Amino acid sequence: MPDTTKCEPRPENPQQGESARPRTDGSALVRLLNEWMQGDDAEQRETFEVLRQSLDEDRPVGYKLFS
């Protein structure tokens, strides 16, 4: 059975460890989020209508989520 009481020391500088993440360009992430936030209003209305119908489809008359 392995000895679970031993623990390996963590590197003092996190960039030296294997789990160090590469730096990302923050401005690229901001642009991507802005693109996601700006959408076609007609497409969003159509998508909501399909979602609404799907959620209320099998619910009893008095228990609809969206009336």
N, C-alpha and C. Protein backbone atom coordinates (compact mmCIF):
# COMPACT_ATOMS: atom_id res chain seq x y z
N MET A 1 0.84 -1.17 0.00
CA MET A 1 0.00 0.00 0.00
C MET A 1 0.89 1.24 0.00
N PRO A 2 0.60 2.25 -0.82
CA PRO A 2 1.45 3.44 -0.88
C PRO A 2 1.34 4.26 0.40
N ASP A 3 2.42 4.95 0.71
CA ASP A 3 2.45 5.80 1.90
C ASP A 3 1.78 7.13 1.56
N THR A 4 0.60 7.36 2.15
CA THR A 4 -0.14 8.58 1.85
C THR A 4 0.21 9.72 2.79
N THR A 5 1.09 9.49 3.73
CA THR A 5 1.46 10.55 4.67
C THR A 5 2.53 11.46 4.06
N LYS A 6 3.21 10.98 3.04
CA LYS A 6 4.24 11.80 2.40
C LYS A 6 3.60 12.77 1.42
N CYS A 7 4.10 13.97 1.37
CA CYS A 7 3.63 14.90 0.35
C CYS A 7 4.83 15.55 -0.30
N GLU A 8 4.70 15.78 -1.57
CA GLU A 8 5.80 16.38 -2.31
C GLU A 8 5.75 17.89 -2.13
N PRO A 9 6.91 18.53 -1.97
CA PRO A 9 6.89 19.99 -1.82
C PRO A 9 6.45 20.66 -3.11
N ARG A 10 5.72 21.74 -2.96
CA ARG A 10 5.26 22.51 -4.11
C ARG A 10 6.35 23.49 -4.51
N PRO A 11 6.49 23.74 -5.78
CA PRO A 11 7.51 24.71 -6.20
C PRO A 11 7.15 26.10 -5.69
N GLU A 12 8.18 26.85 -5.28
CA GLU A 12 7.94 28.19 -4.75
C GLU A 12 7.44 29.14 -5.83
N ASN A 13 7.96 29.01 -7.02
CA ASN A 13 7.53 29.84 -8.14
C ASN A 13 6.54 29.03 -8.96
N PRO A 14 5.25 29.43 -8.99
CA PRO A 14 4.26 28.62 -9.70
C PRO A 14 4.53 28.47 -11.19
N GLN A 15 5.30 29.36 -11.77
CA GLN A 15 5.61 29.24 -13.19
C GLN A 15 6.57 28.10 -13.46
N GLN A 16 7.27 27.63 -12.43
CA GLN A 16 8.20 26.53 -12.62
C GLN A 16 7.50 25.17 -12.56
N GLY A 17 6.30 25.13 -11.98
CA GLY A 17 5.57 23.87 -11.83
C GLY A 17 4.95 23.43 -13.14
N GLU A 18 4.56 22.17 -13.18
CA GLU A 18 3.96 21.63 -14.39
C GLU A 18 2.58 22.22 -14.65
N SER A 19 1.90 22.70 -13.59
CA SER A 19 0.54 23.19 -13.76
C SER A 19 0.48 24.68 -14.07
N ALA A 20 1.60 25.30 -14.36
CA ALA A 20 1.59 26.72 -14.70
C ALA A 20 0.85 26.93 -16.00
N ARG A 21 -0.06 27.89 -16.02
CA ARG A 21 -0.86 28.16 -17.21
C ARG A 21 -0.16 29.21 -18.07
N PRO A 22 -0.31 29.07 -19.37
CA PRO A 22 0.26 30.10 -20.24
C PRO A 22 -0.51 31.41 -20.09
N ARG A 23 0.15 32.51 -20.27
CA ARG A 23 -0.51 33.81 -20.18
C ARG A 23 -1.41 33.99 -21.40
N THR A 24 -2.57 34.56 -21.16
CA THR A 24 -3.50 34.79 -22.27
C THR A 24 -3.62 36.28 -22.51
N ASP A 25 -4.00 36.61 -23.70
CA ASP A 25 -4.20 38.00 -24.07
C ASP A 25 -5.57 38.45 -23.58
N GLY A 26 -5.60 39.30 -22.58
CA GLY A 26 -6.85 39.75 -21.98
C GLY A 26 -7.73 40.49 -22.97
N SER A 27 -7.14 41.25 -23.88
CA SER A 27 -7.95 42.01 -24.83
C SER A 27 -8.70 41.08 -25.79
N ALA A 28 -8.10 39.94 -26.11
CA ALA A 28 -8.78 38.98 -26.99
C ALA A 28 -10.00 38.40 -26.27
N LEU A 29 -9.86 38.14 -24.98
CA LEU A 29 -10.99 37.61 -24.22
C LEU A 29 -12.11 38.64 -24.12
N VAL A 30 -11.75 39.90 -23.93
CA VAL A 30 -12.74 40.97 -23.85
C VAL A 30 -13.49 41.08 -25.17
N ARG A 31 -12.78 41.02 -26.29
CA ARG A 31 -13.43 41.09 -27.60
C ARG A 31 -14.39 39.92 -27.80
N LEU A 32 -13.98 38.73 -27.39
CA LEU A 32 -14.83 37.56 -27.54
C LEU A 32 -16.10 37.70 -26.71
N LEU A 33 -15.97 38.14 -25.47
CA LEU A 33 -17.15 38.32 -24.62
C LEU A 33 -18.07 39.40 -25.18
N ASN A 34 -17.51 40.46 -25.71
CA ASN A 34 -18.34 41.51 -26.32
C ASN A 34 -19.11 40.99 -27.52
N GLU A 35 -18.47 40.14 -28.32
CA GLU A 35 -19.15 39.54 -29.47
C GLU A 35 -20.32 38.68 -29.00
N TRP A 36 -20.12 37.94 -27.92
CA TRP A 36 -21.19 37.09 -27.40
C TRP A 36 -22.34 37.92 -26.86
N MET A 37 -22.04 39.05 -26.26
CA MET A 37 -23.07 39.89 -25.66
C MET A 37 -23.91 40.60 -26.71
N GLN A 38 -23.31 40.90 -27.84
CA GLN A 38 -24.04 41.57 -28.92
C GLN A 38 -24.64 40.50 -29.82
N GLY A 39 -25.93 40.46 -29.84
CA GLY A 39 -26.56 39.42 -30.66
C GLY A 39 -27.67 40.01 -31.49
N ASP A 40 -28.17 39.21 -32.36
CA ASP A 40 -29.28 39.58 -33.22
C ASP A 40 -30.57 39.47 -32.39
N ASP A 41 -31.29 40.58 -32.22
CA ASP A 41 -32.50 40.58 -31.40
C ASP A 41 -33.54 39.61 -31.92
N ALA A 42 -33.72 39.55 -33.22
CA ALA A 42 -34.72 38.64 -33.79
C ALA A 42 -34.33 37.18 -33.50
N GLU A 43 -33.06 36.87 -33.63
CA GLU A 43 -32.60 35.51 -33.35
C GLU A 43 -32.82 35.16 -31.88
N GLN A 44 -32.56 36.12 -30.99
CA GLN A 44 -32.76 35.87 -29.57
C GLN A 44 -34.24 35.65 -29.25
N ARG A 45 -35.13 36.41 -29.87
CA ARG A 45 -36.56 36.21 -29.66
C ARG A 45 -37.01 34.84 -30.14
N GLU A 46 -36.54 34.44 -31.32
CA GLU A 46 -36.88 33.12 -31.86
C GLU A 46 -36.35 32.01 -30.97
N THR A 47 -35.14 32.16 -30.50
CA THR A 47 -34.54 31.15 -29.63
C THR A 47 -35.32 31.04 -28.33
N PHE A 48 -35.71 32.18 -27.75
CA PHE A 48 -36.48 32.14 -26.52
C PHE A 48 -37.83 31.47 -26.73
N GLU A 49 -38.46 31.72 -27.86
CA GLU A 49 -39.76 31.12 -28.14
C GLU A 49 -39.64 29.60 -28.20
N VAL A 50 -38.61 29.10 -28.86
CA VAL A 50 -38.39 27.65 -28.93
C VAL A 50 -38.11 27.09 -27.53
N LEU A 51 -37.29 27.78 -26.76
CA LEU A 51 -36.98 27.34 -25.40
C LEU A 51 -38.23 27.35 -24.54
N ARG A 52 -39.03 28.41 -24.63
CA ARG A 52 -40.25 28.52 -23.84
C ARG A 52 -41.21 27.36 -24.16
N GLN A 53 -41.40 27.09 -25.43
CA GLN A 53 -42.29 26.00 -25.83
C GLN A 53 -41.76 24.65 -25.33
N SER A 54 -40.46 24.46 -25.40
CA SER A 54 -39.86 23.20 -24.96
C SER A 54 -40.04 22.99 -23.46
N LEU A 55 -39.87 24.06 -22.70
CA LEU A 55 -39.99 23.94 -21.25
C LEU A 55 -41.43 23.72 -20.81
N ASP A 56 -42.38 24.33 -21.50
CA ASP A 56 -43.78 24.22 -21.10
C ASP A 56 -44.51 23.04 -21.77
N GLU A 57 -43.86 22.37 -22.69
CA GLU A 57 -44.49 21.33 -23.50
C GLU A 57 -45.19 20.24 -22.68
N ASP A 58 -44.52 19.68 -21.71
CA ASP A 58 -45.06 18.53 -20.97
C ASP A 58 -45.61 18.90 -19.60
N ARG A 59 -45.75 20.18 -19.32
CA ARG A 59 -46.24 20.60 -18.01
C ARG A 59 -47.76 20.68 -18.02
N PRO A 60 -48.38 20.38 -16.86
CA PRO A 60 -49.84 20.54 -16.76
C PRO A 60 -50.23 22.00 -16.96
N VAL A 61 -51.45 22.25 -17.34
CA VAL A 61 -51.92 23.59 -17.69
C VAL A 61 -51.64 24.61 -16.58
N GLY A 62 -51.88 24.28 -15.34
CA GLY A 62 -51.71 25.23 -14.25
C GLY A 62 -50.27 25.40 -13.80
N TYR A 63 -49.33 24.65 -14.39
CA TYR A 63 -47.94 24.67 -13.91
C TYR A 63 -46.96 25.13 -14.99
N LYS A 64 -47.41 25.92 -15.91
CA LYS A 64 -46.53 26.40 -16.97
C LYS A 64 -45.50 27.38 -16.37
N LEU A 65 -44.27 27.31 -16.87
CA LEU A 65 -43.24 28.25 -16.42
C LEU A 65 -43.48 29.63 -17.03
N PHE A 66 -43.89 29.64 -18.29
CA PHE A 66 -44.12 30.88 -19.01
C PHE A 66 -45.55 30.85 -19.52
N SER A 67 -46.38 31.77 -19.05
CA SER A 67 -47.79 31.77 -19.47
C SER A 67 -47.98 32.63 -20.69
